[in-house]
Amino acid sequence: MIRVILVDDQMLVRSGIRGLLDLTPDIRVIAEAADGNEAAHVIAREQADVLLLDVRMPHCSGIDLLRREPDRLPPTILLTTFDDDEALLDGMRAGARGFLLKDISLERLADGIRSVASGATLFRPALTERTRAAYEKPVAVPAAQATPLTSRETEILALMAAGMNNAEIAQALGPSEGTVKNHVSSILSKLGVRDRVRAVLRGLELGHI
């Protein structure tokens, strides 16, 4: 059973999502909170597999909570009522594992929760043309001409998308931090971008993640 904590400032939204997820055989909402501050207390006492976290809430937003508690939160999916490019990028930088709109179907929401619970990331559905245009280099390498990534580089790119820094990637995969740094430099070069955020966005567009 996948255990979910649901955080949203609107009670009707929480009730609706909980009711939908109750229809699935393998996902249950085990606790709720109305803002980031309340969520921090709930997370401290509940063992959850996935955190569904509203982006915009009073007192403490979802992004604020991610930044404040980077090591204590379960794998997190950000939820919003609109396609917010800025929130997507802020959430990626803060360590969110996924980003979904609240008006998606139960099937898609459930599949997203299962994916994140299994260790995957879930950014592609929220990626928009406006986001790519804003964060790609103007002379980015066309997809047809991009140099293929190695399997290790693809693995590292996925961990970059999950918000890990070089030291965390080295700890997860085994090589030295210097080796990871070299791989990251190679990834940036092959994708024709100049920083990690653009690399993740480019990797999403090309299907590496």
Protein backbone atom coordinates (compact mmCIF):
# COMPACT_ATOMS: atom_id res chain seq x y z
CA MET A 1 0.00 0.00 0.00
CA ILE A 2 1.33 3.45 -0.96
CA ARG A 3 0.82 5.85 1.95
CA VAL A 4 0.15 9.47 1.00
CA ILE A 5 0.09 12.70 2.99
CA LEU A 6 -2.09 15.34 1.31
CA VAL A 7 -1.45 19.05 1.88
CA ASP A 8 -3.83 21.68 0.49
CA ASP A 9 -5.39 24.76 2.06
CA GLN A 10 -8.83 24.00 0.57
CA MET A 11 -10.81 21.38 2.46
CA LEU A 12 -13.01 20.58 -0.55
CA VAL A 13 -9.95 19.87 -2.68
CA ARG A 14 -8.51 17.59 0.00
CA SER A 15 -11.83 15.76 0.34
CA GLY A 16 -12.11 15.33 -3.41
CA ILE A 17 -8.59 13.97 -3.86
CA ARG A 18 -8.92 11.68 -0.85
CA GLY A 19 -12.24 10.34 -2.16
CA LEU A 20 -10.75 9.63 -5.57
CA LEU A 21 -7.68 7.91 -4.19
CA ASP A 22 -9.89 5.78 -1.95
CA LEU A 23 -11.12 4.21 -5.20
CA THR A 24 -7.66 2.83 -5.96
CA PRO A 25 -6.64 -0.56 -4.55
CA ASP A 26 -3.09 0.40 -3.60
CA ILE A 27 -3.06 4.09 -2.55
CA ARG A 28 -4.39 5.59 0.69
CA VAL A 29 -4.28 9.11 2.15
CA ILE A 30 -3.09 8.56 5.72
CA ALA A 31 -3.00 12.20 6.85
CA GLU A 32 -3.87 15.73 5.72
CA ALA A 33 -2.68 19.27 6.41
CA ALA A 34 -3.87 22.74 5.43
CA ASP A 35 -0.50 24.47 4.97
CA GLY A 36 3.23 23.86 5.07
CA ASN A 37 3.59 24.55 8.78
CA GLU A 38 0.92 22.02 9.71
CA ALA A 39 2.37 19.58 7.19
CA ALA A 40 5.78 19.68 8.88
CA HIS A 41 4.21 18.43 12.14
CA VAL A 42 2.18 15.74 10.34
CA ILE A 43 5.23 14.49 8.43
CA ALA A 44 7.21 14.24 11.66
CA ARG A 45 4.74 11.75 13.14
CA GLU A 46 3.54 9.84 10.05
CA GLN A 47 5.49 7.49 7.79
CA ALA A 48 4.45 8.29 4.21
CA ASP A 49 5.67 7.10 0.82
CA VAL A 50 4.57 10.18 -1.14
CA LEU A 51 3.71 13.77 -0.24
CA LEU A 52 1.05 15.54 -2.36
CA LEU A 53 1.79 19.20 -1.77
CA ASP A 54 -0.14 22.24 -2.98
CA VAL A 55 2.15 24.87 -4.49
CA ARG A 56 0.38 27.99 -3.25
CA MET A 57 -0.91 28.12 0.34
CA PRO A 58 -1.08 30.86 2.99
CA HIS A 59 1.46 30.98 5.83
CA CYS A 60 3.81 28.40 4.30
CA SER A 61 3.61 27.39 0.64
CA GLY A 62 4.62 24.08 -0.83
CA ILE A 63 7.84 25.56 -2.23
CA ASP A 64 8.62 27.12 1.17
CA LEU A 65 8.20 23.74 2.88
CA LEU A 66 10.46 22.02 0.35
CA ARG A 67 13.16 24.61 0.91
CA ARG A 68 12.78 24.53 4.69
CA GLU A 69 12.73 20.75 5.15
CA PRO A 70 14.88 19.36 2.31
CA ASP A 71 15.90 16.19 4.13
CA ARG A 72 12.72 15.33 6.03
CA LEU A 73 10.06 15.19 3.33
CA PRO A 74 8.90 12.03 1.56
CA PRO A 75 9.17 12.02 -2.26
CA THR A 76 7.05 15.02 -3.17
CA ILE A 77 4.59 15.78 -5.97
CA LEU A 78 3.59 19.43 -6.28
CA LEU A 79 -0.04 20.13 -7.17
CA THR A 80 -1.41 23.32 -8.70
CA THR A 81 -4.58 24.53 -10.40
CA PHE A 82 -2.72 26.09 -13.34
CA ASP A 83 0.33 25.39 -15.47
CA ASP A 84 2.88 27.49 -13.55
CA ASP A 85 6.32 27.43 -15.18
CA GLU A 86 7.98 29.37 -12.37
CA ALA A 87 6.62 26.96 -9.75
CA LEU A 88 7.82 24.01 -11.82
CA LEU A 89 11.37 25.29 -11.92
CA ASP A 90 11.37 26.41 -8.28
CA GLY A 91 10.03 22.99 -7.28
CA MET A 92 12.70 21.17 -9.28
CA ARG A 93 15.41 23.25 -7.65
CA ALA A 94 13.92 22.63 -4.20
CA GLY A 95 13.86 18.85 -4.69
CA ALA A 96 10.31 18.00 -5.79
CA ARG A 97 10.03 14.68 -7.60
CA GLY A 98 6.96 15.55 -9.63
CA PHE A 99 4.53 18.25 -10.70
CA LEU A 100 0.88 17.70 -11.64
CA LEU A 101 -2.17 19.83 -12.33
CA LYS A 102 -5.15 19.28 -10.04
CA ASP A 103 -7.56 18.80 -12.95
CA ILE A 104 -5.94 15.59 -14.18
CA SER A 105 -7.79 12.30 -14.15
CA LEU A 106 -7.72 9.83 -11.28
CA GLU A 107 -5.83 7.38 -13.48
CA ARG A 108 -3.09 9.89 -14.22
CA LEU A 109 -2.85 11.03 -10.61
CA ALA A 110 -2.63 7.46 -9.35
CA ASP A 111 -0.03 6.56 -11.98
CA GLY A 112 1.99 9.62 -10.97
CA ILE A 113 1.91 8.66 -7.31
CA ARG A 114 3.00 5.12 -8.16
CA SER A 115 5.85 6.39 -10.34
CA VAL A 116 7.21 8.75 -7.71
CA ALA A 117 6.82 6.13 -4.97
CA SER A 118 8.97 3.80 -7.09
CA GLY A 119 11.73 6.39 -7.46
CA ALA A 120 10.86 8.01 -10.79
CA THR A 121 10.37 11.70 -11.53
CA LEU A 122 7.23 13.25 -12.98
CA PHE A 123 7.92 16.59 -14.67
CA ARG A 124 7.22 15.97 -18.35
CA PRO A 125 3.40 16.50 -18.24
CA ALA A 126 3.85 19.99 -16.78
CA LEU A 127 6.65 21.11 -19.08
CA THR A 128 5.46 23.80 -21.45
CA GLU A 129 6.85 25.44 -24.55
CA ARG A 130 7.19 28.67 -22.58
CA THR A 131 9.38 27.00 -19.97
CA ARG A 132 11.69 25.48 -22.56
CA ALA A 133 11.95 28.75 -24.47
CA ALA A 134 12.86 30.64 -21.30
CA TYR A 135 15.50 28.24 -20.00
CA GLU A 136 17.21 26.75 -23.05
CA LYS A 137 20.25 28.39 -24.61
CA PRO A 138 19.26 30.24 -27.77
CA VAL A 139 21.68 28.05 -29.71
CA ALA A 140 20.81 24.77 -27.99
CA VAL A 141 21.80 21.64 -29.88
CA PRO A 142 18.89 20.32 -32.00
CA ALA A 143 17.57 16.95 -30.86
CA ALA A 144 18.69 15.26 -34.07
CA GLN A 145 22.27 16.49 -33.57
CA ALA A 146 22.59 15.97 -29.82
CA THR A 147 25.37 13.59 -28.77
CA PRO A 148 23.86 10.52 -27.08
CA LEU A 149 24.32 10.24 -23.33
CA THR A 150 25.93 7.16 -21.83
CA SER A 151 23.87 4.99 -19.48
CA ARG A 152 25.73 6.45 -16.47
CA GLU A 153 25.14 10.01 -17.69
CA THR A 154 21.44 9.26 -18.12
CA GLU A 155 21.35 7.88 -14.58
CA ILE A 156 23.07 10.98 -13.21
CA LEU A 157 20.73 13.27 -15.17
CA ALA A 158 17.73 11.56 -13.57
CA LEU A 159 19.21 12.17 -10.12
CA MET A 160 19.86 15.79 -11.06
CA ALA A 161 16.16 16.05 -11.94
CA ALA A 162 15.38 14.71 -8.46
CA GLY A 163 17.27 17.67 -6.98
CA MET A 164 20.46 15.87 -5.89
CA ASN A 165 23.78 17.71 -5.82
CA ASN A 166 27.09 16.14 -6.88
CA ALA A 167 27.92 14.86 -3.39
CA GLU A 168 24.50 13.20 -3.02
CA ILE A 169 24.78 11.62 -6.47
CA ALA A 170 28.24 10.29 -5.61
CA GLN A 171 26.89 8.77 -2.40
CA ALA A 172 23.96 7.19 -4.25
CA LEU A 173 25.94 5.74 -7.15
CA GLY A 174 29.36 5.04 -5.69
CA PRO A 175 31.92 7.05 -7.72
CA SER A 176 33.85 9.97 -6.29
CA GLU A 177 32.35 13.46 -6.27
CA GLY A 178 35.02 14.50 -8.78
CA THR A 179 33.94 11.77 -11.17
CA VAL A 180 30.32 12.87 -10.86
CA LYS A 181 31.38 16.45 -11.56
CA ASN A 182 33.11 15.29 -14.74
CA HIS A 183 29.98 13.41 -15.81
CA VAL A 184 27.84 16.49 -15.17
CA SER A 185 30.19 18.61 -17.29
CA SER A 186 29.92 16.04 -20.08
CA ILE A 187 26.12 16.05 -19.81
CA LEU A 188 25.99 19.85 -20.10
CA SER A 189 28.29 19.76 -23.10
CA LYS A 190 26.39 17.01 -24.92
CA LEU A 191 23.03 18.67 -24.32
CA GLY A 192 24.35 22.09 -25.34
CA VAL A 193 23.31 23.85 -22.13
CA ARG A 194 25.16 25.82 -19.46
CA ASP A 195 23.60 24.81 -16.13
CA ARG A 196 21.85 21.95 -14.33
CA VAL A 197 18.30 23.31 -14.63
CA ARG A 198 18.64 23.69 -18.39
CA ALA A 199 20.18 20.21 -18.57
CA VAL A 200 17.15 18.70 -16.83
CA LEU A 201 14.72 20.59 -19.06
CA ARG A 202 16.66 19.55 -22.16
CA GLY A 203 16.79 15.97 -20.93
CA LEU A 204 13.03 15.97 -20.45
CA GLU A 205 12.49 17.31 -23.95
CA LEU A 206 14.77 14.70 -25.52
CA GLY A 207 13.27 11.85 -23.51
CA HIS A 208 16.34 11.04 -21.40
CA ILE A 209 14.28 11.38 -18.20
